[in-house]
Amino acid sequence: MRCVIARFPFDLVKSEVEQSMKGVKPEPVTGASVTIGRHTYPVKQVGEVITRQDRRDFTADEVTRALTRLGFTCQTVQEPAPAAPPTPLETATALFGGPTRSYLPPSSGHNGGPGR
């Protein structure tokens, strides 16, 4: 299959990619990955091996598209869902702290009761 990675054309064959990755120890996966045989590799590692280019020269998306078209199973990393924004009360508490004293005027009665 013909594909372009980092502006260079490549004719990739699934069996040749599998052969190229034999004996290559998978690096820890921190981003997009691909399963080749019984191993899961970062797609950038595979791209570097099959293109013989520095992995900074191509994107993970370019390699993922090519490997998916060859029939490999690729996984992308899901970004964690953003946290819900704080409520106004949570924002005020964070800015000004929790209630530490009453802001009501002092009462004039005995024992703190209402005045008559």
PDB file of N, CA and C in Angstrom:
ATOM      1  N   MET A   1       0.841  -1.155   0.000  1.00  0.00           N
ATOM      2  CA  MET A   1       0.000   0.000   0.000  1.00  0.00           C
ATOM      3  C   MET A   1       0.900   1.237   0.000  1.00  0.00           C
ATOM      4  N   ARG A   2       0.573   2.157  -0.845  1.00  0.00           N
ATOM      5  CA  ARG A   2       1.346   3.395  -0.936  1.00  0.00           C
ATOM      6  C   ARG A   2       0.774   4.432   0.032  1.00  0.00           C
ATOM      7  N   CYS A   3       1.663   5.072   0.787  1.00  0.00           N
ATOM      8  CA  CYS A   3       1.242   6.128   1.701  1.00  0.00           C
ATOM      9  C   CYS A   3       2.349   7.170   1.796  1.00  0.00           C
ATOM     10  N   VAL A   4       2.002   8.309   2.316  1.00  0.00           N
ATOM     11  CA  VAL A   4       2.967   9.391   2.489  1.00  0.00           C
ATOM     12  C   VAL A   4       3.106   9.668   3.975  1.00  0.00           C
ATOM     13  N   ILE A   5       4.339   9.635   4.436  1.00  0.00           N
ATOM     14  CA  ILE A   5       4.646   9.937   5.837  1.00  0.00           C
ATOM     15  C   ILE A   5       5.775  10.958   5.822  1.00  0.00           C
ATOM     16  N   ALA A   6       5.564  12.084   6.450  1.00  0.00           N
ATOM     17  CA  ALA A   6       6.537  13.182   6.496  1.00  0.00           C
ATOM     18  C   ALA A   6       6.950  13.600   5.085  1.00  0.00           C
ATOM     19  N   ARG A   7       5.964  13.706   4.203  1.00  0.00           N
ATOM     20  CA  ARG A   7       6.129  14.149   2.817  1.00  0.00           C
ATOM     21  C   ARG A   7       6.936  13.183   1.950  1.00  0.00           C
ATOM     22  N   PHE A   8       7.212  11.976   2.438  1.00  0.00           N
ATOM     23  CA  PHE A   8       7.928  10.981   1.645  1.00  0.00           C
ATOM     24  C   PHE A   8       6.998   9.808   1.347  1.00  0.00           C
ATOM     25  N   PRO A   9       6.996   9.320   0.103  1.00  0.00           N
ATOM     26  CA  PRO A   9       6.137   8.179  -0.237  1.00  0.00           C
ATOM     27  C   PRO A   9       6.773   6.861   0.222  1.00  0.00           C
ATOM     28  N   PHE A  10       5.912   5.968   0.706  1.00  0.00           N
ATOM     29  CA  PHE A  10       6.350   4.637   1.135  1.00  0.00           C
ATOM     30  C   PHE A  10       5.379   3.603   0.590  1.00  0.00           C
ATOM     31  N   ASP A  11       5.916   2.463   0.185  1.00  0.00           N
ATOM     32  CA  ASP A  11       5.100   1.311  -0.183  1.00  0.00           C
ATOM     33  C   ASP A  11       5.195   0.331   0.974  1.00  0.00           C
ATOM     34  N   LEU A  12       4.145   0.274   1.774  1.00  0.00           N
ATOM     35  CA  LEU A  12       4.148  -0.576   2.963  1.00  0.00           C
ATOM     36  C   LEU A  12       3.325  -1.828   2.736  1.00  0.00           C
ATOM     37  N   VAL A  13       3.824  -2.927   3.272  1.00  0.00           N
ATOM     38  CA  VAL A  13       3.136  -4.213   3.226  1.00  0.00           C
ATOM     39  C   VAL A  13       3.047  -4.706   4.670  1.00  0.00           C
ATOM     40  N   LYS A  14       1.878  -5.198   5.047  1.00  0.00           N
ATOM     41  CA  LYS A  14       1.653  -5.610   6.436  1.00  0.00           C
ATOM     42  C   LYS A  14       2.704  -6.614   6.907  1.00  0.00           C
ATOM     43  N   SER A  15       2.988  -7.615   6.125  1.00  0.00           N
ATOM     44  CA  SER A  15       3.953  -8.645   6.542  1.00  0.00           C
ATOM     45  C   SER A  15       5.360  -8.061   6.701  1.00  0.00           C
ATOM     46  N   GLU A  16       5.703  -7.057   5.892  1.00  0.00           N
ATOM     47  CA  GLU A  16       7.024  -6.426   6.013  1.00  0.00           C
ATOM     48  C   GLU A  16       7.115  -5.572   7.279  1.00  0.00           C
ATOM     49  N   VAL A  17       6.015  -4.931   7.637  1.00  0.00           N
ATOM     50  CA  VAL A  17       5.989  -4.163   8.889  1.00  0.00           C
ATOM     51  C   VAL A  17       6.149  -5.118  10.067  1.00  0.00           C
ATOM     52  N   GLU A  18       5.420  -6.238  10.039  1.00  0.00           N
ATOM     53  CA  GLU A  18       5.536  -7.242  11.103  1.00  0.00           C
ATOM     54  C   GLU A  18       6.968  -7.762  11.196  1.00  0.00           C
ATOM     55  N   GLN A  19       7.591  -8.028  10.057  1.00  0.00           N
ATOM     56  CA  GLN A  19       8.969  -8.528  10.032  1.00  0.00           C
ATOM     57  C   GLN A  19       9.934  -7.471  10.582  1.00  0.00           C
ATOM     58  N   SER A  20       9.722  -6.216  10.229  1.00  0.00           N
ATOM     59  CA  SER A  20      10.593  -5.132  10.700  1.00  0.00           C
ATOM     60  C   SER A  20      10.537  -4.985  12.221  1.00  0.00           C
ATOM     61  N   MET A  21       9.385  -5.282  12.817  1.00  0.00           N
ATOM     62  CA  MET A  21       9.214  -5.097  14.250  1.00  0.00           C
ATOM     63  C   MET A  21       9.596  -6.326  15.063  1.00  0.00           C
ATOM     64  N   LYS A  22       9.890  -7.446  14.396  1.00  0.00           N
ATOM     65  CA  LYS A  22      10.321  -8.645  15.130  1.00  0.00           C
ATOM     66  C   LYS A  22      11.624  -8.347  15.863  1.00  0.00           C
ATOM     67  N   GLY A  23      11.656  -8.697  17.139  1.00  0.00           N
ATOM     68  CA  GLY A  23      12.859  -8.492  17.936  1.00  0.00           C
ATOM     69  C   GLY A  23      13.026  -7.073  18.459  1.00  0.00           C
ATOM     70  N   VAL A  24      12.103  -6.178  18.127  1.00  0.00           N
ATOM     71  CA  VAL A  24      12.167  -4.802  18.646  1.00  0.00           C
ATOM     72  C   VAL A  24      11.388  -4.753  19.954  1.00  0.00           C
ATOM     73  N   LYS A  25      12.065  -4.320  21.010  1.00  0.00           N
ATOM     74  CA  LYS A  25      11.420  -4.248  22.320  1.00  0.00           C
ATOM     75  C   LYS A  25      10.501  -3.031  22.356  1.00  0.00           C
ATOM     76  N   PRO A  26       9.230  -3.227  22.711  1.00  0.00           N
ATOM     77  CA  PRO A  26       8.302  -2.089  22.776  1.00  0.00           C
ATOM     78  C   PRO A  26       8.704  -1.098  23.863  1.00  0.00           C
ATOM     79  N   GLU A  27       8.641   0.178  23.516  1.00  0.00           N
ATOM     80  CA  GLU A  27       8.851   1.234  24.502  1.00  0.00           C
ATOM     81  C   GLU A  27       7.553   1.415  25.291  1.00  0.00           C
ATOM     82  N   PRO A  28       7.622   2.063  26.441  1.00  0.00           N
ATOM     83  CA  PRO A  28       6.373   2.325  27.175  1.00  0.00           C
ATOM     84  C   PRO A  28       5.433   3.184  26.330  1.00  0.00           C
ATOM     85  N   VAL A  29       4.171   2.848  26.350  1.00  0.00           N
ATOM     86  CA  VAL A  29       3.163   3.562  25.567  1.00  0.00           C
ATOM     87  C   VAL A  29       2.678   4.759  26.365  1.00  0.00           C
ATOM     88  N   THR A  30       2.819   5.951  25.782  1.00  0.00           N
ATOM     89  CA  THR A  30       2.333   7.167  26.432  1.00  0.00           C
ATOM     90  C   THR A  30       1.339   7.911  25.549  1.00  0.00           C
ATOM     91  N   GLY A  31       1.196   7.487  24.323  1.00  0.00           N
ATOM     92  CA  GLY A  31       0.289   8.155  23.390  1.00  0.00           C
ATOM     93  C   GLY A  31      -0.404   7.110  22.542  1.00  0.00           C
ATOM     94  N   ALA A  32      -0.549   7.408  21.260  1.00  0.00           N
ATOM     95  CA  ALA A  32      -1.178   6.469  20.335  1.00  0.00           C
ATOM     96  C   ALA A  32      -0.320   5.208  20.229  1.00  0.00           C
ATOM     97  N   SER A  33      -0.994   4.058  20.096  1.00  0.00           N
ATOM     98  CA  SER A  33      -0.269   2.792  20.042  1.00  0.00           C
ATOM     99  C   SER A  33      -0.860   1.890  18.970  1.00  0.00           C
ATOM    100  N   VAL A  34      -0.084   0.852  18.629  1.00  0.00           N
ATOM    101  CA  VAL A  34      -0.508  -0.118  17.625  1.00  0.00           C
ATOM    102  C   VAL A  34      -0.126  -1.510  18.119  1.00  0.00           C
ATOM    103  N   THR A  35      -1.007  -2.465  17.866  1.00  0.00           N
ATOM    104  CA  THR A  35      -0.719  -3.846  18.232  1.00  0.00           C
ATOM    105  C   THR A  35      -0.186  -4.565  17.003  1.00  0.00           C
ATOM    106  N   ILE A  36       1.024  -5.096  17.150  1.00  0.00           N
ATOM    107  CA  ILE A  36       1.659  -5.870  16.081  1.00  0.00           C
ATOM    108  C   ILE A  36       2.057  -7.198  16.699  1.00  0.00           C
ATOM    109  N   GLY A  37       1.454  -8.267  16.216  1.00  0.00           N
ATOM    110  CA  GLY A  37       1.677  -9.571  16.840  1.00  0.00           C
ATOM    111  C   GLY A  37       1.114  -9.552  18.244  1.00  0.00           C
ATOM    112  N   ARG A  38       1.945  -9.932  19.210  1.00  0.00           N
ATOM    113  CA  ARG A  38       1.498  -9.938  20.606  1.00  0.00           C
ATOM    114  C   ARG A  38       1.984  -8.724  21.381  1.00  0.00           C
ATOM    115  N   HIS A  39       2.571  -7.759  20.685  1.00  0.00           N
ATOM    116  CA  HIS A  39       3.136  -6.593  21.355  1.00  0.00           C
ATOM    117  C   HIS A  39       2.379  -5.324  20.988  1.00  0.00           C
ATOM    118  N   THR A  40       2.377  -4.390  21.913  1.00  0.00           N
ATOM    119  CA  THR A  40       1.793  -3.078  21.671  1.00  0.00           C
ATOM    120  C   THR A  40       2.927  -2.059  21.690  1.00  0.00           C
ATOM    121  N   TYR A  41       3.055  -1.332  20.596  1.00  0.00           N
ATOM    122  CA  TYR A  41       4.125  -0.356  20.415  1.00  0.00           C
ATOM    123  C   TYR A  41       3.543   1.049  20.302  1.00  0.00           C
ATOM    124  N   PRO A  42       4.313   2.066  20.738  1.00  0.00           N
ATOM    125  CA  PRO A  42       3.911   3.430  20.396  1.00  0.00           C
ATOM    126  C   PRO A  42       4.008   3.592  18.871  1.00  0.00           C
ATOM    127  N   VAL A  43       3.044   4.259  18.255  1.00  0.00           N
ATOM    128  CA  VAL A  43       3.070   4.378  16.792  1.00  0.00           C
ATOM    129  C   VAL A  43       4.309   5.146  16.318  1.00  0.00           C
ATOM    130  N   LYS A  44       4.816   6.066  17.115  1.00  0.00           N
ATOM    131  CA  LYS A  44       6.017   6.800  16.722  1.00  0.00           C
ATOM    132  C   LYS A  44       7.227   5.867  16.649  1.00  0.00           C
ATOM    133  N   GLN A  45       7.307   4.888  17.538  1.00  0.00           N
ATOM    134  CA  GLN A  45       8.403   3.921  17.494  1.00  0.00           C
ATOM    135  C   GLN A  45       8.324   3.107  16.216  1.00  0.00           C
ATOM    136  N   VAL A  46       7.118   2.645  15.883  1.00  0.00           N
ATOM    137  CA  VAL A  46       6.939   1.854  14.656  1.00  0.00           C
ATOM    138  C   VAL A  46       7.250   2.714  13.436  1.00  0.00           C
ATOM    139  N   GLY A  47       6.764   3.950  13.432  1.00  0.00           N
ATOM    140  CA  GLY A  47       7.042   4.839  12.320  1.00  0.00           C
ATOM    141  C   GLY A  47       8.522   5.059  12.109  1.00  0.00           C
ATOM    142  N   GLU A  48       9.270   5.182  13.183  1.00  0.00           N
ATOM    143  CA  GLU A  48      10.715   5.371  13.082  1.00  0.00           C
ATOM    144  C   GLU A  48      11.392   4.142  12.474  1.00  0.00           C
ATOM    145  N   VAL A  49      10.937   2.961  12.878  1.00  0.00           N
ATOM    146  CA  VAL A  49      11.535   1.726  12.357  1.00  0.00           C
ATOM    147  C   VAL A  49      11.202   1.533  10.877  1.00  0.00           C
ATOM    148  N   ILE A  50       9.932   1.707  10.503  1.00  0.00           N
ATOM    149  CA  ILE A  50       9.544   1.385   9.121  1.00  0.00           C
ATOM    150  C   ILE A  50       9.934   2.464   8.114  1.00  0.00           C
ATOM    151  N   THR A  51      10.108   3.716   8.580  1.00  0.00           N
ATOM    152  CA  THR A  51      10.481   4.778   7.639  1.00  0.00           C
ATOM    153  C   THR A  51      11.964   5.119   7.702  1.00  0.00           C
ATOM    154  N   ARG A  52      12.633   4.692   8.770  1.00  0.00           N
ATOM    155  CA  ARG A  52      14.039   5.024   9.018  1.00  0.00           C
ATOM    156  C   ARG A  52      14.238   6.544   9.113  1.00  0.00           C
ATOM    157  N   GLN A  53      13.200   7.221   9.603  1.00  0.00           N
ATOM    158  CA  GLN A  53      13.263   8.663   9.812  1.00  0.00           C
ATOM    159  C   GLN A  53      13.219   8.951  11.306  1.00  0.00           C
ATOM    160  N   ASP A  54      13.704  10.107  11.677  1.00  0.00           N
ATOM    161  CA  ASP A  54      13.601  10.545  13.062  1.00  0.00           C
ATOM    162  C   ASP A  54      12.129  10.752  13.387  1.00  0.00           C
ATOM    163  N   ARG A  55      11.704  10.302  14.538  1.00  0.00           N
ATOM    164  CA  ARG A  55      10.280  10.384  14.887  1.00  0.00           C
ATOM    165  C   ARG A  55       9.776  11.810  15.047  1.00  0.00           C
ATOM    166  N   ARG A  56      10.675  12.775  15.115  1.00  0.00           N
ATOM    167  CA  ARG A  56      10.239  14.170  15.161  1.00  0.00           C
ATOM    168  C   ARG A  56       9.817  14.683  13.784  1.00  0.00           C
ATOM    169  N   ASP A  57      10.123  13.907  12.735  1.00  0.00           N
ATOM    170  CA  ASP A  57       9.826  14.339  11.369  1.00  0.00           C
ATOM    171  C   ASP A  57       8.408  14.015  10.907  1.00  0.00           C
ATOM    172  N   PHE A  58       7.670  13.219  11.668  1.00  0.00           N
ATOM    173  CA  PHE A  58       6.312  12.838  11.263  1.00  0.00           C
ATOM    174  C   PHE A  58       5.403  12.867  12.482  1.00  0.00           C
ATOM    175  N   THR A  59       4.111  12.856  12.209  1.00  0.00           N
ATOM    176  CA  THR A  59       3.138  12.863  13.314  1.00  0.00           C
ATOM    177  C   THR A  59       2.645  11.453  13.590  1.00  0.00           C
ATOM    178  N   ALA A  60       2.136  11.262  14.780  1.00  0.00           N
ATOM    179  CA  ALA A  60       1.545   9.970  15.133  1.00  0.00           C
ATOM    180  C   ALA A  60       0.328   9.693  14.257  1.00  0.00           C
ATOM    181  N   ASP A  61      -0.408  10.748  13.894  1.00  0.00           N
ATOM    182  CA  ASP A  61      -1.597  10.568  13.050  1.00  0.00           C
ATOM    183  C   ASP A  61      -1.240  10.009  11.679  1.00  0.00           C
ATOM    184  N   GLU A  62      -0.131  10.464  11.088  1.00  0.00           N
ATOM    185  CA  GLU A  62       0.280   9.959   9.778  1.00  0.00           C
ATOM    186  C   GLU A  62       0.527   8.459   9.836  1.00  0.00           C
ATOM    187  N   VAL A  63       1.253   8.025  10.861  1.00  0.00           N
ATOM    188  CA  VAL A  63       1.584   6.603  10.997  1.00  0.00           C
ATOM    189  C   VAL A  63       0.342   5.800  11.367  1.00  0.00           C
ATOM    190  N   THR A  64      -0.490   6.346  12.235  1.00  0.00           N
ATOM    191  CA  THR A  64      -1.720   5.655  12.630  1.00  0.00           C
ATOM    192  C   THR A  64      -2.606   5.401  11.421  1.00  0.00           C
ATOM    193  N   ARG A  65      -2.771   6.404  10.568  1.00  0.00           N
ATOM    194  CA  ARG A  65      -3.594   6.230   9.355  1.00  0.00           C
ATOM    195  C   ARG A  65      -3.027   5.118   8.470  1.00  0.00           C
ATOM    196  N   ALA A  66      -1.711   5.135   8.266  1.00  0.00           N
ATOM    197  CA  ALA A  66      -1.087   4.124   7.406  1.00  0.00           C
ATOM    198  C   ALA A  66      -1.242   2.721   8.000  1.00  0.00           C
ATOM    199  N   LEU A  67      -0.987   2.581   9.303  1.00  0.00           N
ATOM    200  CA  LEU A  67      -1.070   1.262   9.931  1.00  0.00           C
ATOM    201  C   LEU A  67      -2.506   0.751   9.980  1.00  0.00           C
ATOM    202  N   THR A  68      -3.456   1.654  10.181  1.00  0.00           N
ATOM    203  CA  THR A  68      -4.868   1.252  10.175  1.00  0.00           C
ATOM    204  C   THR A  68      -5.273   0.757   8.794  1.00  0.00           C
ATOM    205  N   ARG A  69      -4.823   1.453   7.757  1.00  0.00           N
ATOM    206  CA  ARG A  69      -5.139   1.020   6.388  1.00  0.00           C
ATOM    207  C   ARG A  69      -4.510  -0.336   6.064  1.00  0.00           C
ATOM    208  N   LEU A  70      -3.387  -0.662   6.714  1.00  0.00           N
ATOM    209  CA  LEU A  70      -2.761  -1.973   6.515  1.00  0.00           C
ATOM    210  C   LEU A  70      -3.486  -3.077   7.282  1.00  0.00           C
ATOM    211  N   GLY A  71      -4.365  -2.688   8.211  1.00  0.00           N
ATOM    212  CA  GLY A  71      -5.119  -3.691   8.959  1.00  0.00           C
ATOM    213  C   GLY A  71      -4.678  -3.887  10.388  1.00  0.00           C
ATOM    214  N   PHE A  72      -3.774  -3.055  10.882  1.00  0.00           N
ATOM    215  CA  PHE A  72      -3.348  -3.155  12.278  1.00  0.00           C
ATOM    216  C   PHE A  72      -4.362  -2.447  13.176  1.00  0.00           C
ATOM    217  N   THR A  73      -4.408  -2.890  14.429  1.00  0.00           N
ATOM    218  CA  THR A  73      -5.296  -2.274  15.408  1.00  0.00           C
ATOM    219  C   THR A  73      -4.539  -1.166  16.120  1.00  0.00           C
ATOM    220  N   CYS A  74      -5.034   0.046  15.979  1.00  0.00           N
ATOM    221  CA  CYS A  74      -4.407   1.211  16.617  1.00  0.00           C
ATOM    222  C   CYS A  74      -5.336   1.761  17.688  1.00  0.00           C
ATOM    223  N   GLN A  75      -4.740   2.263  18.755  1.00  0.00           N
ATOM    224  CA  GLN A  75      -5.484   2.883  19.835  1.00  0.00           C
ATOM    225  C   GLN A  75      -4.960   4.299  20.014  1.00  0.00           C
ATOM    226  N   THR A  76      -5.875   5.217  20.266  1.00  0.00           N
ATOM    227  CA  THR A  76      -5.463   6.578  20.576  1.00  0.00           C
ATOM    228  C   THR A  76      -5.739   6.836  22.037  1.00  0.00           C
ATOM    229  N   VAL A  77      -4.976   7.734  22.596  1.00  0.00           N
ATOM    230  CA  VAL A  77      -5.144   8.073  24.002  1.00  0.00           C
ATOM    231  C   VAL A  77      -6.295   9.050  24.123  1.00  0.00           C
ATOM    232  N   GLN A  78      -7.226   8.746  25.012  1.00  0.00           N
ATOM    233  CA  GLN A  78      -8.345   9.638  25.281  1.00  0.00           C
ATOM    234  C   GLN A  78      -7.892  10.666  26.302  1.00  0.00           C
ATOM    235  N   GLU A  79      -8.101  11.933  25.993  1.00  0.00           N
ATOM    236  CA  GLU A  79      -7.806  12.986  26.954  1.00  0.00           C
ATOM    237  C   GLU A  79      -8.829  12.886  28.088  1.00  0.00           C
ATOM    238  N   PRO A  80      -8.393  13.085  29.333  1.00  0.00           N
ATOM    239  CA  PRO A  80      -9.370  13.043  30.418  1.00  0.00           C
ATOM    240  C   PRO A  80     -10.392  14.160  30.250  1.00  0.00           C
ATOM    241  N   ALA A  81     -11.609  13.861  30.620  1.00  0.00           N
ATOM    242  CA  ALA A  81     -12.679  14.856  30.509  1.00  0.00           C
ATOM    243  C   ALA A  81     -12.358  16.026  31.429  1.00  0.00           C
ATOM    244  N   PRO A  82     -12.599  17.229  30.957  1.00  0.00           N
ATOM    245  CA  PRO A  82     -12.306  18.378  31.826  1.00  0.00           C
ATOM    246  C   PRO A  82     -13.219  18.368  33.047  1.00  0.00           C
ATOM    247  N   ALA A  83     -12.676  18.839  34.152  1.00  0.00           N
ATOM    248  CA  ALA A  83     -13.458  18.895  35.387  1.00  0.00           C
ATOM    249  C   ALA A  83     -14.541  19.954  35.240  1.00  0.00           C
ATOM    250  N   ALA A  84     -15.643  19.726  35.905  1.00  0.00           N
ATOM    251  CA  ALA A  84     -16.739  20.697  35.871  1.00  0.00           C
ATOM    252  C   ALA A  84     -16.254  21.986  36.526  1.00  0.00           C
ATOM    253  N   PRO A  85     -16.651  23.126  35.998  1.00  0.00           N
ATOM    254  CA  PRO A  85     -16.226  24.390  36.613  1.00  0.00           C
ATOM    255  C   PRO A  85     -16.808  24.504  38.015  1.00  0.00           C
ATOM    256  N   PRO A  86     -16.088  25.176  38.905  1.00  0.00           N
ATOM    257  CA  PRO A  86     -16.590  25.296  40.277  1.00  0.00           C
ATOM    258  C   PRO A  86     -17.854  26.146  40.323  1.00  0.00           C
ATOM    259  N   THR A  87     -18.688  25.853  41.302  1.00  0.00           N
ATOM    260  CA  THR A  87     -19.902  26.648  41.513  1.00  0.00           C
ATOM    261  C   THR A  87     -19.494  27.998  42.093  1.00  0.00           C
ATOM    262  N   PRO A  88     -20.375  28.989  42.037  1.00  0.00           N
ATOM    263  CA  PRO A  88     -20.037  30.282  42.650  1.00  0.00           C
ATOM    264  C   PRO A  88     -19.674  30.164  44.127  1.00  0.00           C
ATOM    265  N   LEU A  89     -20.367  29.287  44.855  1.00  0.00           N
ATOM    266  CA  LEU A  89     -20.065  29.110  46.274  1.00  0.00           C
ATOM    267  C   LEU A  89     -18.662  28.536  46.451  1.00  0.00           C
ATOM    268  N   GLU A  90     -18.294  27.537  45.639  1.00  0.00           N
ATOM    269  CA  GLU A  90     -16.953  26.953  45.726  1.00  0.00           C
ATOM    270  C   GLU A  90     -15.889  27.995  45.382  1.00  0.00           C
ATOM    271  N   THR A  91     -16.162  28.828  44.389  1.00  0.00           N
ATOM    272  CA  THR A  91     -15.215  29.878  44.013  1.00  0.00           C
ATOM    273  C   THR A  91     -15.041  30.868  45.151  1.00  0.00           C
ATOM    274  N   ALA A  92     -16.148  31.315  45.752  1.00  0.00           N
ATOM    275  CA  ALA A  92     -16.071  32.272  46.856  1.00  0.00           C
ATOM    276  C   ALA A  92     -15.344  31.669  48.041  1.00  0.00           C
ATOM    277  N   THR A  93     -15.616  30.417  48.350  1.00  0.00           N
ATOM    278  CA  THR A  93     -14.955  29.760  49.471  1.00  0.00           C
ATOM    279  C   THR A  93     -13.460  29.660  49.216  1.00  0.00           C
ATOM    280  N   ALA A  94     -13.074  29.343  47.972  1.00  0.00           N
ATOM    281  CA  ALA A  94     -11.665  29.239  47.642  1.00  0.00           C
ATOM    282  C   ALA A  94     -10.974  30.598  47.732  1.00  0.00           C
ATOM    283  N   LEU A  95     -11.673  31.648  47.322  1.00  0.00           N
ATOM    284  CA  LEU A  95     -11.067  32.980  47.337  1.00  0.00           C
ATOM    285  C   LEU A  95     -11.017  33.587  48.734  1.00  0.00           C
ATOM    286  N   PHE A  96     -12.117  33.443  49.476  1.00  0.00           N
ATOM    287  CA  PHE A  96     -12.234  34.149  50.744  1.00  0.00           C
ATOM    288  C   PHE A  96     -12.202  33.244  51.958  1.00  0.00           C
ATOM    289  N   GLY A  97     -12.143  31.964  51.777  1.00  0.00           N
ATOM    290  CA  GLY A  97     -12.138  31.034  52.896  1.00  0.00           C
ATOM    291  C   GLY A  97     -13.544  30.767  53.391  1.00  0.00           C
ATOM    292  N   GLY A  98     -13.662  29.804  54.252  1.00  0.00           N
ATOM    293  CA  GLY A  98     -14.962  29.457  54.811  1.00  0.00           C
ATOM    294  C   GLY A  98     -15.392  30.479  55.840  1.00  0.00           C
ATOM    295  N   PRO A  99     -16.625  30.374  56.299  1.00  0.00           N
ATOM    296  CA  PRO A  99     -17.099  31.339  57.306  1.00  0.00           C
ATOM    297  C   PRO A  99     -16.374  31.110  58.622  1.00  0.00           C
ATOM    298  N   THR A 100     -15.744  32.165  59.125  1.00  0.00           N
ATOM    299  CA  THR A 100     -15.014  32.052  60.389  1.00  0.00           C
ATOM    300  C   THR A 100     -15.677  32.848  61.499  1.00  0.00           C
ATOM    301  N   ARG A 101     -16.536  33.797  61.157  1.00  0.00           N
ATOM    302  CA  ARG A 101     -17.260  34.551  62.173  1.00  0.00           C
ATOM    303  C   ARG A 101     -18.551  35.052  61.550  1.00  0.00           C
ATOM    304  N   SER A 102     -19.441  35.406  62.388  1.00  0.00           N
ATOM    305  CA  SER A 102     -20.708  35.916  61.912  1.00  0.00           C
ATOM    306  C   SER A 102     -20.564  37.385  61.567  1.00  0.00           C
ATOM    307  N   TYR A 103     -21.140  37.796  60.494  1.00  0.00           N
ATOM    308  CA  TYR A 103     -21.092  39.192  60.103  1.00  0.00           C
ATOM    309  C   TYR A 103     -22.368  39.932  60.498  1.00  0.00           C
ATOM    310  N   LEU A 104     -23.190  39.298  61.355  1.00  0.00           N
ATOM    311  CA  LEU A 104     -24.393  39.944  61.856  1.00  0.00           C
ATOM    312  C   LEU A 104     -24.001  40.914  62.963  1.00  0.00           C
ATOM    313  N   PRO A 105     -24.707  42.016  63.085  1.00  0.00           N
ATOM    314  CA  PRO A 105     -24.375  42.953  64.171  1.00  0.00           C
ATOM    315  C   PRO A 105     -24.638  42.306  65.525  1.00  0.00           C
ATOM    316  N   PRO A 106     -23.877  42.690  66.531  1.00  0.00           N
ATOM    317  CA  PRO A 106     -24.101  42.097  67.854  1.00  0.00           C
ATOM    318  C   PRO A 106     -25.480  42.484  68.383  1.00  0.00           C
ATOM    319  N   SER A 107     -26.093  41.568  69.118  1.00  0.00           N
ATOM    320  CA  SER A 107     -27.432  41.859  69.664  1.00  0.00           C
ATOM    321  C   SER A 107     -27.285  42.653  70.956  1.00  0.00           C
ATOM    322  N   SER A 108     -28.341  43.305  71.350  1.00  0.00           N
ATOM    323  CA  SER A 108     -28.288  44.124  72.556  1.00  0.00           C
ATOM    324  C   SER A 108     -28.954  43.422  73.743  1.00  0.00           C
ATOM    325  N   GLY A 109     -29.477  42.238  73.562  1.00  0.00           N
ATOM    326  CA  GLY A 109     -30.166  41.535  74.645  1.00  0.00           C
ATOM    327  C   GLY A 109     -29.215  40.718  75.478  1.00  0.00           C
ATOM    328  N   HIS A 110     -29.747  40.090  76.536  1.00  0.00           N
ATOM    329  CA  HIS A 110     -28.976  39.206  77.395  1.00  0.00           C
ATOM    330  C   HIS A 110     -28.797  37.870  76.723  1.00  0.00           C
ATOM    331  N   ASN A 111     -27.751  37.190  77.093  1.00  0.00           N
ATOM    332  CA  ASN A 111     -27.447  35.840  76.593  1.00  0.00           C
ATOM    333  C   ASN A 111     -27.447  35.759  75.070  1.00  0.00           C
ATOM    334  N   GLY A 112     -27.131  36.839  74.421  1.00  0.00           N
ATOM    335  CA  GLY A 112     -27.035  36.823  72.979  1.00  0.00           C
ATOM    336  C   GLY A 112     -28.363  36.761  72.276  1.00  0.00           C
ATOM    337  N   GLY A 113     -29.495  36.895  73.032  1.00  0.00           N
ATOM    338  CA  GLY A 113     -30.795  36.814  72.418  1.00  0.00           C
ATOM    339  C   GLY A 113     -31.187  38.151  71.775  1.00  0.00           C
ATOM    340  N   PRO A 114     -32.278  38.176  71.066  1.00  0.00           N
ATOM    341  CA  PRO A 114     -32.702  39.426  70.439  1.00  0.00           C
ATOM    342  C   PRO A 114     -33.118  40.450  71.471  1.00  0.00           C
ATOM    343  N   GLY A 115     -32.882  41.687  71.198  1.00  0.00           N
ATOM    344  CA  GLY A 115     -33.244  42.763  72.122  1.00  0.00           C
ATOM    345  C   GLY A 115     -34.733  43.062  72.070  1.00  0.00           C
ATOM    346  N   ARG A 116     -35.288  43.656  73.196  1.00  0.00           N
ATOM    347  CA  ARG A 116     -36.720  43.954  73.248  1.00  0.00           C
ATOM    348  C   ARG A 116     -36.939  45.396  73.329  1.00  0.00           C
TER     349      ARG A 116
END
